[in-house]
C-alpha cells in the first residue's frame, strides 16, 4: 500500500511546485503590445514629510518661547511623491519628554493613533500618487528638568515607514522657558511714526496753518493785555 501511494505523493508535489512556479512567473513577466515578453517597468514609490510649529498663521521650524502648561501645535504634511497608490504608510511622531500628546486631527476629524512612550503612530491608506495629507498635532508643554529662569529647546521628530523601511523624516523645535529668562526675546514696543518725511505737502500745509493761527491768537491776546494795562 505504501509503495502504491508513493507515486501519487510525488505527483502532487510536482504539480504544486509547477503551479507555484507558474504564478511566480506570471508576476515577474511583462508583455508588450504584440504579446512579446518585455522588461517590467520599475515603478517608484517615494514620499516626503514636513514638520513645522504652528505660530498663528505662520509655520516655523523653531518657536520661542512656550510656558509650562500651555499647548503647542504642529503641522504635519505627508506627500506621496511616487507613481502608485499605496496602503499602509505608517507615520511615527516621536515627542521629547517635555511634550505630551493631546490630539491629532485632519480638518475636523480626529485621527485614530497608537500612543506609547511618547511615540504616536497612525497609518495612511488609499494614498494616491500626488496626494498630500495634512494633520495638526496638539501637545502640552511641561517644564520638567528646567531650572527657574532657564530655557530648554526640544526637538520633535516625524518619520515615515513603508513595509518596515524608513522613508524619511523631518523635525521642528520648541523652546520652553521656566520663569523669566535673561536675554529672552521679547516683542519690541511699537512707537508712533515720527518721520516727517512721511507727512507730505498737505500735512506741512496743515501744520503751517495751525501754527499761524496759534501765533495770531497769541499776538491778539498780548495786544489786548497791553491795552488793558494802559487803561488802568
N, C-alpha and C. Protein backbone atom coordinates (compact mmCIF):
# COMPACT_ATOMS: atom_id res chain seq x y z
N UNK A 1 0.83 -1.19 0.00
CA UNK A 1 0.00 0.00 0.00
C UNK A 1 0.87 1.25 0.00
N UNK A 2 1.90 1.24 0.77
CA UNK A 2 2.77 2.41 0.86
C UNK A 2 3.47 2.66 -0.47
N UNK A 3 3.86 1.56 -1.19
CA UNK A 3 4.55 1.73 -2.46
C UNK A 3 3.63 2.31 -3.52
N UNK A 4 2.34 1.92 -3.48
CA UNK A 4 1.40 2.45 -4.44
C UNK A 4 1.10 3.93 -4.19
N UNK A 5 1.10 4.35 -2.91
CA UNK A 5 0.79 5.74 -2.57
C UNK A 5 1.93 6.69 -2.91
N UNK A 6 3.17 6.13 -3.01
CA UNK A 6 4.34 6.97 -3.23
C UNK A 6 4.29 7.75 -4.55
N UNK A 7 3.97 7.11 -5.69
CA UNK A 7 3.91 7.89 -6.95
C UNK A 7 2.87 9.00 -6.90
N UNK A 8 1.75 8.75 -6.24
CA UNK A 8 0.72 9.79 -6.14
C UNK A 8 1.22 10.98 -5.34
N UNK A 9 1.95 10.72 -4.26
CA UNK A 9 2.52 11.78 -3.42
C UNK A 9 3.53 12.61 -4.21
N UNK A 10 4.38 11.92 -4.98
CA UNK A 10 5.40 12.62 -5.78
C UNK A 10 4.72 13.48 -6.83
N UNK A 11 3.67 12.94 -7.46
CA UNK A 11 2.96 13.69 -8.49
C UNK A 11 2.32 14.95 -7.91
N UNK A 12 1.76 14.85 -6.70
CA UNK A 12 1.14 16.01 -6.05
C UNK A 12 2.17 17.09 -5.76
N UNK A 13 3.35 16.67 -5.32
CA UNK A 13 4.41 17.64 -5.03
C UNK A 13 4.85 18.35 -6.30
N UNK A 14 5.01 17.56 -7.38
CA UNK A 14 5.44 18.16 -8.65
C UNK A 14 4.43 19.16 -9.16
N UNK A 15 3.14 18.81 -9.09
CA UNK A 15 2.09 19.73 -9.55
C UNK A 15 2.06 21.00 -8.71
N UNK A 16 2.27 20.87 -7.41
CA UNK A 16 2.27 22.05 -6.53
C UNK A 16 3.41 22.99 -6.88
N UNK A 17 4.60 22.41 -7.11
CA UNK A 17 5.76 23.23 -7.46
C UNK A 17 5.55 23.91 -8.80
N UNK A 18 4.96 23.17 -9.78
CA UNK A 18 4.71 23.77 -11.09
C UNK A 18 3.71 24.91 -11.01
N UNK A 19 2.68 24.73 -10.19
CA UNK A 19 1.67 25.79 -10.04
C UNK A 19 2.29 27.02 -9.40
N UNK A 20 3.09 26.82 -8.38
CA UNK A 20 3.74 27.95 -7.72
C UNK A 20 4.68 28.66 -8.67
N UNK A 21 5.43 27.87 -9.48
CA UNK A 21 6.36 28.47 -10.44
C UNK A 21 5.61 29.25 -11.49
N UNK A 22 4.44 28.75 -11.89
CA UNK A 22 3.64 29.44 -12.90
C UNK A 22 3.15 30.78 -12.38
N UNK A 23 2.67 30.82 -11.12
CA UNK A 23 2.21 32.08 -10.53
C UNK A 23 3.36 33.06 -10.40
N UNK A 24 4.52 32.55 -9.95
CA UNK A 24 5.68 33.43 -9.79
C UNK A 24 6.10 34.01 -11.13
N UNK A 25 6.07 33.12 -12.16
CA UNK A 25 6.48 33.59 -13.49
C UNK A 25 5.54 34.65 -14.01
N UNK A 26 4.24 34.47 -13.74
CA UNK A 26 3.28 35.46 -14.20
C UNK A 26 3.51 36.80 -13.52
N UNK A 27 3.87 36.77 -12.23
CA UNK A 27 4.10 38.01 -11.51
C UNK A 27 5.36 38.74 -12.00
N UNK A 28 6.30 37.97 -12.54
CA UNK A 28 7.57 38.56 -12.94
C UNK A 28 7.65 38.85 -14.43
N UNK A 29 6.65 38.43 -15.21
CA UNK A 29 6.71 38.56 -16.66
C UNK A 29 5.80 39.69 -17.14
N UNK A 30 6.33 40.54 -18.03
CA UNK A 30 5.55 41.61 -18.61
C UNK A 30 5.56 41.45 -20.13
N UNK A 31 4.45 41.83 -20.77
CA UNK A 31 4.29 41.62 -22.20
C UNK A 31 4.09 42.95 -22.93
N UNK A 32 4.59 43.01 -24.14
CA UNK A 32 4.42 44.18 -24.98
C UNK A 32 3.11 44.15 -25.72
N UNK A 33 2.87 45.16 -26.58
CA UNK A 33 1.58 45.27 -27.28
C UNK A 33 1.31 44.12 -28.25
N UNK A 34 2.35 43.37 -28.67
CA UNK A 34 2.17 42.25 -29.61
C UNK A 34 2.38 40.91 -28.92
N UNK A 35 2.32 40.91 -27.58
CA UNK A 35 2.45 39.66 -26.84
C UNK A 35 3.86 39.25 -26.54
N UNK A 36 4.82 40.03 -26.94
CA UNK A 36 6.22 39.69 -26.67
C UNK A 36 6.57 40.01 -25.23
N UNK A 37 7.49 39.25 -24.68
CA UNK A 37 7.94 39.48 -23.31
C UNK A 37 8.90 40.67 -23.29
N UNK A 38 8.65 41.60 -22.40
CA UNK A 38 9.49 42.79 -22.29
C UNK A 38 9.91 42.97 -20.83
N UNK A 39 10.97 43.76 -20.56
CA UNK A 39 11.35 44.03 -19.16
C UNK A 39 10.22 44.77 -18.44
N UNK A 40 9.95 44.34 -17.23
CA UNK A 40 8.90 45.00 -16.45
C UNK A 40 9.37 46.39 -16.03
N UNK A 41 8.52 47.41 -16.17
CA UNK A 41 8.92 48.77 -15.77
C UNK A 41 9.10 48.88 -14.27
N UNK A 42 10.03 49.72 -13.89
CA UNK A 42 10.28 49.98 -12.47
C UNK A 42 9.34 51.08 -12.01
N UNK A 43 8.52 50.78 -11.03
CA UNK A 43 7.58 51.75 -10.50
C UNK A 43 8.14 52.31 -9.20
N UNK A 44 8.33 53.61 -9.17
CA UNK A 44 8.93 54.23 -7.99
C UNK A 44 7.88 54.51 -6.91
N UNK A 45 8.25 54.19 -5.69
CA UNK A 45 7.45 54.56 -4.53
C UNK A 45 8.30 55.52 -3.70
N UNK A 46 7.81 56.71 -3.50
CA UNK A 46 8.57 57.69 -2.71
C UNK A 46 7.61 58.62 -2.00
N UNK A 47 8.07 59.17 -0.88
CA UNK A 47 7.23 60.00 -0.03
C UNK A 47 8.07 61.16 0.53
N UNK A 48 7.37 62.21 0.95
CA UNK A 48 8.05 63.31 1.64
C UNK A 48 7.21 63.70 2.85
N UNK A 49 7.88 64.27 3.84
CA UNK A 49 7.19 64.70 5.06
C UNK A 49 7.77 66.03 5.52
N UNK A 50 6.89 66.92 6.00
CA UNK A 50 7.31 68.22 6.53
C UNK A 50 6.68 68.40 7.90
N UNK A 51 7.49 68.83 8.86
CA UNK A 51 7.02 69.06 10.22
C UNK A 51 7.33 70.50 10.60
N UNK A 52 6.33 71.25 11.09
CA UNK A 52 6.51 72.66 11.46
C UNK A 52 5.73 72.95 12.73
N UNK A 53 6.14 74.03 13.41
CA UNK A 53 5.38 74.54 14.55
C UNK A 53 4.40 75.59 14.04
N UNK A 54 3.17 75.52 14.51
CA UNK A 54 2.16 76.50 14.10
C UNK A 54 2.26 77.72 14.99
N UNK A 55 2.60 78.86 14.38
CA UNK A 55 2.73 80.14 15.09
C UNK A 55 1.73 81.11 14.49
N UNK A 56 0.50 81.11 15.02
CA UNK A 56 -0.56 81.94 14.45
C UNK A 56 -0.90 81.46 13.06
N UNK A 57 -0.73 82.34 12.07
CA UNK A 57 -0.98 81.96 10.67
C UNK A 57 0.27 81.48 9.96
N UNK A 58 1.38 81.37 10.71
CA UNK A 58 2.66 81.01 10.10
C UNK A 58 3.10 79.62 10.54
N UNK A 59 3.93 78.99 9.70
CA UNK A 59 4.58 77.73 10.03
C UNK A 59 6.07 77.99 10.17
N UNK A 60 6.64 77.63 11.32
CA UNK A 60 8.05 77.90 11.59
C UNK A 60 8.75 76.61 12.01
N UNK A 61 10.06 76.58 11.85
CA UNK A 61 10.83 75.40 12.25
C UNK A 61 11.28 75.48 13.70
N UNK A 62 11.29 76.72 14.27
CA UNK A 62 11.66 76.87 15.68
C UNK A 62 10.79 77.94 16.31
N UNK A 63 10.28 77.64 17.51
CA UNK A 63 9.39 78.58 18.19
C UNK A 63 9.94 78.90 19.58
N UNK A 64 9.99 80.18 19.93
CA UNK A 64 10.38 80.65 21.25
C UNK A 64 9.31 81.62 21.75
N UNK A 65 8.89 81.62 22.95
CA UNK A 65 9.02 80.59 23.96
C UNK A 65 7.64 80.08 24.31
N UNK A 66 7.60 78.88 24.90
CA UNK A 66 6.36 78.33 25.42
C UNK A 66 6.50 78.13 26.92
N UNK A 67 5.42 78.49 27.65
CA UNK A 67 5.40 78.31 29.10
C UNK A 67 4.88 76.92 29.44
N UNK A 68 5.27 76.43 30.60
CA UNK A 68 4.77 75.15 31.08
C UNK A 68 3.25 75.19 31.23
N UNK A 69 2.58 74.14 30.78
CA UNK A 69 1.13 74.08 30.88
C UNK A 69 0.40 74.58 29.64
N UNK A 70 1.11 75.26 28.73
CA UNK A 70 0.48 75.77 27.51
C UNK A 70 0.52 74.69 26.42
N UNK A 71 -0.29 74.88 25.41
CA UNK A 71 -0.32 73.94 24.28
C UNK A 71 0.55 74.47 23.14
N UNK A 72 1.12 73.54 22.40
CA UNK A 72 1.83 73.89 21.17
C UNK A 72 1.35 72.93 20.10
N UNK A 73 1.05 73.49 18.91
CA UNK A 73 0.51 72.69 17.81
C UNK A 73 1.54 72.56 16.69
N UNK A 74 1.55 71.38 16.09
CA UNK A 74 2.47 71.09 14.98
C UNK A 74 1.68 70.79 13.71
N UNK A 75 2.22 71.24 12.59
CA UNK A 75 1.67 70.93 11.28
C UNK A 75 2.50 69.79 10.69
N UNK A 76 1.81 68.71 10.29
CA UNK A 76 2.49 67.55 9.69
C UNK A 76 1.90 67.34 8.30
N UNK A 77 2.76 67.37 7.28
CA UNK A 77 2.30 67.19 5.90
C UNK A 77 3.07 66.03 5.26
N UNK A 78 2.31 65.06 4.75
CA UNK A 78 2.89 63.88 4.12
C UNK A 78 2.42 63.84 2.66
N UNK A 79 3.36 63.67 1.73
CA UNK A 79 3.03 63.65 0.31
C UNK A 79 3.50 62.35 -0.33
N UNK A 80 2.63 61.79 -1.17
CA UNK A 80 3.01 60.64 -1.98
C UNK A 80 3.63 61.17 -3.28
N UNK A 81 4.94 61.17 -3.34
CA UNK A 81 5.66 61.71 -4.49
C UNK A 81 5.98 60.62 -5.51
N UNK A 82 5.47 59.40 -5.27
CA UNK A 82 5.74 58.29 -6.18
C UNK A 82 4.71 58.21 -7.30
N UNK A 83 4.63 57.02 -7.90
CA UNK A 83 3.80 56.82 -9.08
C UNK A 83 2.59 55.92 -8.84
N UNK A 84 2.49 55.34 -7.63
CA UNK A 84 1.42 54.39 -7.35
C UNK A 84 0.65 54.77 -6.09
N UNK A 85 -0.61 54.38 -6.05
CA UNK A 85 -1.38 54.47 -4.80
C UNK A 85 -0.89 53.37 -3.86
N UNK A 86 -0.73 53.72 -2.59
CA UNK A 86 -0.21 52.75 -1.63
C UNK A 86 -1.12 52.67 -0.41
N UNK A 87 -1.04 51.56 0.27
CA UNK A 87 -1.69 51.35 1.55
C UNK A 87 -0.62 51.07 2.60
N UNK A 88 -0.93 51.42 3.82
CA UNK A 88 -0.05 51.02 4.91
C UNK A 88 1.18 51.87 5.14
N UNK A 89 1.14 53.15 4.73
CA UNK A 89 2.25 54.05 5.08
C UNK A 89 2.07 54.48 6.53
N UNK A 90 3.04 54.17 7.35
CA UNK A 90 2.96 54.45 8.78
C UNK A 90 3.74 55.73 9.11
N UNK A 91 3.08 56.66 9.78
CA UNK A 91 3.73 57.89 10.25
C UNK A 91 3.99 57.74 11.74
N UNK A 92 5.22 58.01 12.15
CA UNK A 92 5.61 57.90 13.55
C UNK A 92 6.10 59.26 14.02
N UNK A 93 5.43 59.81 15.02
CA UNK A 93 5.83 61.11 15.58
C UNK A 93 6.38 60.86 16.98
N UNK A 94 7.64 61.20 17.17
CA UNK A 94 8.32 60.95 18.44
C UNK A 94 8.44 62.25 19.22
N UNK A 95 7.77 62.31 20.37
CA UNK A 95 7.77 63.52 21.19
C UNK A 95 8.87 63.47 22.24
N UNK A 96 9.54 64.59 22.49
CA UNK A 96 10.50 64.66 23.60
C UNK A 96 9.76 64.64 24.94
N UNK A 97 10.49 64.46 26.01
CA UNK A 97 9.87 64.29 27.33
C UNK A 97 9.12 65.54 27.81
N UNK A 98 9.45 66.71 27.28
CA UNK A 98 8.78 67.94 27.71
C UNK A 98 7.51 68.25 26.92
N UNK A 99 7.10 67.34 26.06
CA UNK A 99 5.84 67.48 25.32
C UNK A 99 5.03 66.22 25.49
N UNK A 100 3.74 66.37 25.76
CA UNK A 100 2.85 65.22 25.87
C UNK A 100 1.72 65.35 24.86
N UNK A 101 1.29 64.21 24.32
CA UNK A 101 0.30 64.17 23.24
C UNK A 101 -1.09 64.55 23.75
N UNK A 102 -1.79 65.39 22.98
CA UNK A 102 -3.17 65.77 23.29
C UNK A 102 -4.12 65.23 22.22
N UNK A 103 -3.87 65.57 20.95
CA UNK A 103 -4.77 65.12 19.89
C UNK A 103 -4.10 65.21 18.53
N UNK A 104 -4.66 64.47 17.57
CA UNK A 104 -4.24 64.54 16.18
C UNK A 104 -5.49 64.67 15.33
N UNK A 105 -5.54 65.72 14.50
CA UNK A 105 -6.73 65.95 13.68
C UNK A 105 -6.34 66.19 12.23
N UNK A 106 -7.28 65.84 11.37
CA UNK A 106 -7.19 66.16 9.95
C UNK A 106 -8.47 66.90 9.59
N UNK A 107 -8.35 68.23 9.47
CA UNK A 107 -9.56 69.04 9.39
C UNK A 107 -10.27 68.97 10.73
N UNK A 108 -11.55 68.62 10.71
CA UNK A 108 -12.31 68.48 11.96
C UNK A 108 -12.35 67.05 12.46
N UNK A 109 -11.76 66.14 11.70
CA UNK A 109 -11.82 64.72 12.06
C UNK A 109 -10.64 64.34 12.95
N UNK A 110 -10.93 63.61 14.03
CA UNK A 110 -9.88 63.10 14.91
C UNK A 110 -9.33 61.80 14.34
N UNK A 111 -8.00 61.71 14.26
CA UNK A 111 -7.34 60.54 13.69
C UNK A 111 -7.03 59.53 14.79
N UNK A 112 -7.32 58.26 14.51
CA UNK A 112 -7.00 57.19 15.45
C UNK A 112 -5.49 56.97 15.48
N UNK A 113 -4.93 56.93 16.67
CA UNK A 113 -3.48 56.78 16.82
C UNK A 113 -3.15 55.69 17.83
N UNK A 114 -1.92 55.23 17.75
CA UNK A 114 -1.36 54.35 18.76
C UNK A 114 -0.31 55.15 19.53
N UNK A 115 -0.52 55.32 20.82
CA UNK A 115 0.38 56.14 21.63
C UNK A 115 1.10 55.24 22.62
N UNK A 116 2.43 55.32 22.61
CA UNK A 116 3.23 54.50 23.52
C UNK A 116 4.56 55.16 23.78
N UNK A 117 4.81 55.53 25.06
CA UNK A 117 6.10 56.09 25.47
C UNK A 117 6.55 57.27 24.61
N UNK A 118 5.64 58.19 24.35
CA UNK A 118 5.99 59.38 23.58
C UNK A 118 6.03 59.17 22.09
N UNK A 119 5.65 57.97 21.63
CA UNK A 119 5.62 57.68 20.20
C UNK A 119 4.17 57.60 19.74
N UNK A 120 3.82 58.40 18.75
CA UNK A 120 2.46 58.45 18.22
C UNK A 120 2.49 57.91 16.79
N UNK A 121 1.69 56.86 16.53
CA UNK A 121 1.68 56.24 15.20
C UNK A 121 0.28 56.28 14.61
N UNK A 122 0.23 56.50 13.30
CA UNK A 122 -1.02 56.35 12.56
C UNK A 122 -0.70 55.89 11.14
N UNK A 123 -1.69 55.32 10.46
CA UNK A 123 -1.49 54.71 9.16
C UNK A 123 -2.30 55.43 8.09
N UNK A 124 -1.67 55.64 6.93
CA UNK A 124 -2.35 56.25 5.79
C UNK A 124 -2.61 55.16 4.75
N UNK A 125 -3.88 54.98 4.40
CA UNK A 125 -4.27 54.02 3.37
C UNK A 125 -4.88 54.74 2.17
N UNK A 126 -5.00 54.03 1.06
CA UNK A 126 -5.55 54.63 -0.17
C UNK A 126 -4.85 55.96 -0.50
N UNK A 127 -3.53 55.92 -0.40
CA UNK A 127 -2.71 57.13 -0.55
C UNK A 127 -2.32 57.25 -2.02
N UNK A 128 -3.08 58.05 -2.77
CA UNK A 128 -2.88 58.16 -4.22
C UNK A 128 -1.62 58.97 -4.54
N UNK A 129 -1.04 58.67 -5.69
CA UNK A 129 0.14 59.41 -6.14
C UNK A 129 -0.19 60.89 -6.28
N UNK A 130 0.67 61.73 -5.72
CA UNK A 130 0.47 63.18 -5.80
C UNK A 130 -0.35 63.76 -4.67
N UNK A 131 -0.99 62.91 -3.87
CA UNK A 131 -1.83 63.41 -2.77
C UNK A 131 -0.97 63.92 -1.61
N UNK A 132 -1.50 64.93 -0.90
CA UNK A 132 -0.86 65.46 0.30
C UNK A 132 -1.85 65.35 1.46
N UNK A 133 -1.44 64.67 2.52
CA UNK A 133 -2.27 64.54 3.72
C UNK A 133 -1.74 65.51 4.77
N UNK A 134 -2.65 66.37 5.30
CA UNK A 134 -2.25 67.39 6.27
C UNK A 134 -2.89 67.08 7.64
N UNK A 135 -2.07 67.18 8.68
CA UNK A 135 -2.53 66.89 10.03
C UNK A 135 -2.09 68.01 10.97
N UNK A 136 -2.84 68.17 12.07
CA UNK A 136 -2.46 69.09 13.15
C UNK A 136 -2.37 68.29 14.43
N UNK A 137 -1.19 68.27 15.01
CA UNK A 137 -0.97 67.57 16.28
C UNK A 137 -0.84 68.59 17.40
N UNK A 138 -1.66 68.43 18.43
CA UNK A 138 -1.63 69.31 19.60
C UNK A 138 -0.92 68.60 20.74
N UNK A 139 0.03 69.29 21.36
CA UNK A 139 0.75 68.74 22.51
C UNK A 139 0.72 69.74 23.66
N UNK A 140 0.98 69.23 24.86
CA UNK A 140 1.04 70.10 26.05
C UNK A 140 2.47 70.17 26.55
N UNK A 141 2.87 71.39 26.96
CA UNK A 141 4.24 71.66 27.39
C UNK A 141 4.39 71.45 28.89
N UNK A 142 5.49 70.84 29.29
CA UNK A 142 5.85 70.80 30.72
C UNK A 142 7.30 71.23 30.86
N UNK A 143 7.64 71.78 32.02
CA UNK A 143 8.98 72.33 32.25
C UNK A 143 9.81 71.41 33.15
N UNK A 144 9.53 70.11 33.12
CA UNK A 144 10.27 69.16 33.94
C UNK A 144 11.76 69.20 33.60
N UNK A 145 12.58 69.31 34.64
CA UNK A 145 14.02 69.31 34.45
C UNK A 145 14.60 70.65 34.03
N UNK A 146 13.77 71.68 33.97
CA UNK A 146 14.25 73.02 33.59
C UNK A 146 14.32 73.88 34.85
N UNK A 147 15.49 74.44 35.14
CA UNK A 147 15.66 75.27 36.33
C UNK A 147 14.97 76.62 36.15
N UNK A 148 14.56 77.21 37.25
CA UNK A 148 13.91 78.52 37.23
C UNK A 148 14.80 79.54 36.53
N UNK A 149 14.21 80.29 35.59
CA UNK A 149 14.95 81.31 34.86
C UNK A 149 15.73 80.77 33.68
N UNK A 150 15.55 79.48 33.36
CA UNK A 150 16.28 78.88 32.25
C UNK A 150 15.33 78.47 31.12
N UNK A 151 15.93 78.09 30.02
CA UNK A 151 15.17 77.61 28.87
C UNK A 151 15.73 76.28 28.40
N UNK A 152 14.90 75.56 27.62
CA UNK A 152 15.33 74.30 27.03
C UNK A 152 14.65 74.14 25.67
N UNK A 153 15.43 73.88 24.64
CA UNK A 153 14.88 73.67 23.31
C UNK A 153 14.80 72.18 23.03
N UNK A 154 13.62 71.71 22.63
CA UNK A 154 13.41 70.28 22.39
C UNK A 154 13.01 70.06 20.94
N UNK A 155 13.35 68.89 20.42
CA UNK A 155 13.11 68.57 19.02
C UNK A 155 12.04 67.49 18.88
N UNK A 156 11.07 67.76 18.04
CA UNK A 156 10.01 66.81 17.72
C UNK A 156 10.31 66.22 16.34
N UNK A 157 10.33 64.89 16.25
CA UNK A 157 10.70 64.20 15.01
C UNK A 157 9.49 63.44 14.46
N UNK A 158 9.21 63.64 13.18
CA UNK A 158 8.17 62.88 12.49
C UNK A 158 8.84 62.09 11.36
N UNK A 159 8.54 60.79 11.28
CA UNK A 159 9.16 59.95 10.26
C UNK A 159 8.11 59.05 9.61
N UNK A 160 8.48 58.41 8.49
CA UNK A 160 7.58 57.55 7.74
C UNK A 160 8.19 56.17 7.57
N UNK A 161 7.35 55.14 7.65
CA UNK A 161 7.76 53.77 7.42
C UNK A 161 6.83 53.13 6.40
N UNK A 162 7.42 52.49 5.38
CA UNK A 162 6.61 51.75 4.42
C UNK A 162 7.20 50.35 4.30
N UNK A 163 6.40 49.35 4.70
CA UNK A 163 6.82 47.96 4.73
C UNK A 163 8.11 47.81 5.52
N UNK A 164 8.18 48.53 6.65
CA UNK A 164 9.31 48.43 7.56
C UNK A 164 10.51 49.25 7.18
N UNK A 165 10.47 49.92 6.02
CA UNK A 165 11.61 50.72 5.57
C UNK A 165 11.39 52.19 5.87
N UNK A 166 12.43 52.83 6.40
CA UNK A 166 12.35 54.26 6.72
C UNK A 166 12.33 55.05 5.42
N UNK A 167 11.30 55.87 5.24
CA UNK A 167 11.13 56.64 4.00
C UNK A 167 11.43 58.13 4.17
N UNK A 168 11.99 58.52 5.31
CA UNK A 168 12.34 59.92 5.52
C UNK A 168 11.75 60.49 6.79
N UNK A 169 12.24 61.65 7.19
CA UNK A 169 11.78 62.29 8.43
C UNK A 169 12.00 63.80 8.36
N UNK A 170 11.40 64.51 9.30
CA UNK A 170 11.60 65.96 9.43
C UNK A 170 11.44 66.33 10.90
N UNK A 171 11.94 67.50 11.27
CA UNK A 171 11.92 67.91 12.67
C UNK A 171 11.42 69.34 12.83
N UNK A 172 10.98 69.65 14.04
CA UNK A 172 10.61 71.01 14.43
C UNK A 172 11.02 71.20 15.88
N UNK A 173 11.39 72.43 16.24
CA UNK A 173 11.96 72.72 17.55
C UNK A 173 11.06 73.70 18.32
N UNK A 174 10.86 73.41 19.60
CA UNK A 174 10.14 74.31 20.51
C UNK A 174 11.04 74.61 21.69
N UNK A 175 11.20 75.88 22.01
CA UNK A 175 11.99 76.29 23.16
C UNK A 175 11.05 76.63 24.31
N UNK A 176 11.31 76.01 25.46
CA UNK A 176 10.44 76.13 26.63
C UNK A 176 11.19 76.92 27.70
N UNK A 177 10.49 77.84 28.34
CA UNK A 177 11.13 78.61 29.41
C UNK A 177 10.37 78.40 30.73
N UNK A 178 11.13 78.55 31.79
CA UNK A 178 10.54 78.45 33.13
C UNK A 178 10.85 79.75 33.86
N UNK A 179 9.83 80.57 34.09
CA UNK A 179 10.04 81.88 34.68
C UNK A 179 10.59 82.84 33.65
N UNK A 180 11.17 83.94 34.12
CA UNK A 180 11.75 84.93 33.23
C UNK A 180 13.16 84.52 32.84
N UNK A 181 13.41 84.45 31.56
CA UNK A 181 14.72 84.05 31.06
C UNK A 181 15.53 85.28 30.72
N UNK A 182 16.74 85.37 31.27
CA UNK A 182 17.61 86.52 30.98
C UNK A 182 18.01 86.51 29.52
N UNK A 183 17.81 87.65 28.86
CA UNK A 183 18.15 87.74 27.45
C UNK A 183 17.13 87.12 26.53
N UNK A 184 15.94 86.81 27.07
CA UNK A 184 14.90 86.18 26.25
C UNK A 184 14.39 87.18 25.22
N UNK A 185 13.97 86.66 24.08
CA UNK A 185 13.42 87.50 23.03
C UNK A 185 12.06 88.01 23.44
N UNK A 186 11.84 89.30 23.31
CA UNK A 186 10.54 89.88 23.63
C UNK A 186 10.06 90.67 22.43
N UNK A 187 8.77 90.92 22.40
CA UNK A 187 8.20 91.71 21.31
C UNK A 187 8.50 93.18 21.55
N UNK A 188 9.21 93.86 20.67
CA UNK A 188 9.55 95.27 20.89
C UNK A 188 8.31 96.15 20.87
N UNK A 189 8.35 97.22 21.71
CA UNK A 189 7.25 98.17 21.73
C UNK A 189 7.23 98.96 20.43
N UNK A 190 6.07 99.07 19.82
CA UNK A 190 5.93 99.81 18.57
C UNK A 190 5.58 101.25 18.89
N UNK A 191 6.46 102.17 18.51
CA UNK A 191 6.27 103.59 18.77
C UNK A 191 5.61 104.26 17.57
N UNK A 192 4.91 105.36 17.79
CA UNK A 192 4.30 106.08 16.66
C UNK A 192 5.35 106.54 15.67
N UNK A 193 4.99 106.57 14.42
CA UNK A 193 5.91 107.01 13.36
C UNK A 193 6.05 108.52 13.42
N UNK A 194 7.30 108.98 13.72
CA UNK A 194 7.55 110.42 13.82
C UNK A 194 8.42 110.92 12.67
N UNK A 195 8.55 110.14 11.63
CA UNK A 195 9.36 110.55 10.48
C UNK A 195 8.60 111.60 9.68
N UNK A 196 9.11 112.84 9.67
CA UNK A 196 8.42 113.94 9.00
C UNK A 196 8.40 113.76 7.48
N UNK A 197 9.25 112.87 6.96
CA UNK A 197 9.26 112.69 5.52
C UNK A 197 8.00 112.01 5.02
N UNK A 198 7.25 111.39 5.95
CA UNK A 198 6.02 110.71 5.56
C UNK A 198 4.79 111.62 5.62
N UNK A 199 4.96 112.89 6.05
CA UNK A 199 3.81 113.77 6.23
C UNK A 199 3.25 114.23 4.90
N UNK A 200 4.12 114.63 3.97
CA UNK A 200 3.66 115.05 2.65
C UNK A 200 3.33 116.53 2.61
N UNK A 201 3.10 117.10 1.40
CA UNK A 201 2.82 118.54 1.24
C UNK A 201 1.56 118.98 1.97
N UNK A 202 0.50 118.19 1.91
CA UNK A 202 -0.74 118.58 2.58
C UNK A 202 -0.54 118.66 4.08
N UNK A 203 0.22 117.71 4.61
CA UNK A 203 0.49 117.71 6.06
C UNK A 203 1.25 118.94 6.48
N UNK A 204 2.27 119.32 5.69
CA UNK A 204 3.04 120.52 6.02
C UNK A 204 2.15 121.77 5.93
N UNK A 205 1.26 121.80 4.96
CA UNK A 205 0.37 122.96 4.82
C UNK A 205 -0.53 123.09 6.05
N UNK A 206 -1.05 121.97 6.52
CA UNK A 206 -1.90 122.00 7.71
C UNK A 206 -1.12 122.43 8.95
N UNK A 207 0.12 121.94 9.05
CA UNK A 207 0.95 122.35 10.20
C UNK A 207 1.20 123.84 10.16
N UNK A 208 1.50 124.35 8.96
CA UNK A 208 1.73 125.79 8.83
C UNK A 208 0.49 126.60 9.17
N UNK A 209 -0.69 126.15 8.74
CA UNK A 209 -1.93 126.86 9.03
C UNK A 209 -2.22 126.89 10.52
N UNK A 210 -2.07 125.73 11.18
CA UNK A 210 -2.32 125.67 12.63
C UNK A 210 -1.32 126.54 13.38
N UNK A 211 -0.05 126.48 12.96
CA UNK A 211 0.97 127.31 13.62
C UNK A 211 0.65 128.79 13.47
N UNK A 212 0.22 129.20 12.24
CA UNK A 212 -0.12 130.61 12.01
C UNK A 212 -1.28 131.06 12.86
N UNK A 213 -2.32 130.25 13.00
CA UNK A 213 -3.47 130.58 13.84
C UNK A 213 -3.07 130.72 15.31
N UNK A 214 -2.21 129.85 15.75
CA UNK A 214 -1.75 129.93 17.14
C UNK A 214 -0.97 131.22 17.38
N UNK A 215 -0.10 131.56 16.43
CA UNK A 215 0.69 132.79 16.58
C UNK A 215 -0.22 134.01 16.54
N UNK A 216 -1.22 134.04 15.65
CA UNK A 216 -2.15 135.16 15.56
C UNK A 216 -2.95 135.31 16.84
N UNK A 217 -3.41 134.19 17.38
CA UNK A 217 -4.17 134.23 18.63
C UNK A 217 -3.31 134.74 19.77
N UNK A 218 -2.07 134.27 19.82
CA UNK A 218 -1.16 134.72 20.88
C UNK A 218 -0.88 136.21 20.75
N UNK A 219 -0.76 136.70 19.52
CA UNK A 219 -0.48 138.12 19.28
C UNK A 219 -1.66 138.98 19.74
N UNK A 220 -2.88 138.57 19.42
CA UNK A 220 -4.06 139.33 19.82
C UNK A 220 -4.22 139.35 21.34
N UNK A 221 -3.95 138.24 21.96
CA UNK A 221 -4.05 138.19 23.42
C UNK A 221 -3.04 139.12 24.07
N UNK A 222 -1.86 139.15 23.49
CA UNK A 222 -0.82 140.04 24.05
C UNK A 222 -1.21 141.50 23.84
N UNK A 223 -1.80 141.84 22.69
CA UNK A 223 -2.22 143.21 22.40
C UNK A 223 -3.32 143.66 23.35
N UNK A 224 -4.30 142.80 23.58
CA UNK A 224 -5.38 143.13 24.50
C UNK A 224 -4.88 143.30 25.92
N UNK A 225 -3.88 142.49 26.25
CA UNK A 225 -3.31 142.60 27.61
C UNK A 225 -2.63 143.94 27.79
N UNK A 226 -1.93 144.41 26.75
CA UNK A 226 -1.25 145.71 26.82
C UNK A 226 -2.25 146.83 26.93
N UNK A 227 -3.34 146.78 26.13
CA UNK A 227 -4.37 147.82 26.15
C UNK A 227 -5.03 147.88 27.52
N UNK A 228 -5.27 146.72 28.10
CA UNK A 228 -5.93 146.68 29.41
C UNK A 228 -5.06 147.34 30.47
N UNK A 229 -3.78 147.10 30.40
CA UNK A 229 -2.87 147.69 31.40
C UNK A 229 -2.75 149.19 31.21
N UNK A 230 -2.80 149.70 29.95
CA UNK A 230 -2.66 151.13 29.71
C UNK A 230 -3.88 151.89 30.23
N UNK A 231 -5.09 151.29 30.18
CA UNK A 231 -6.28 151.91 30.70
C UNK A 231 -6.21 152.03 32.22
N UNK A 232 -5.62 151.09 32.86
CA UNK A 232 -5.50 151.14 34.31
C UNK A 232 -4.55 152.28 34.71
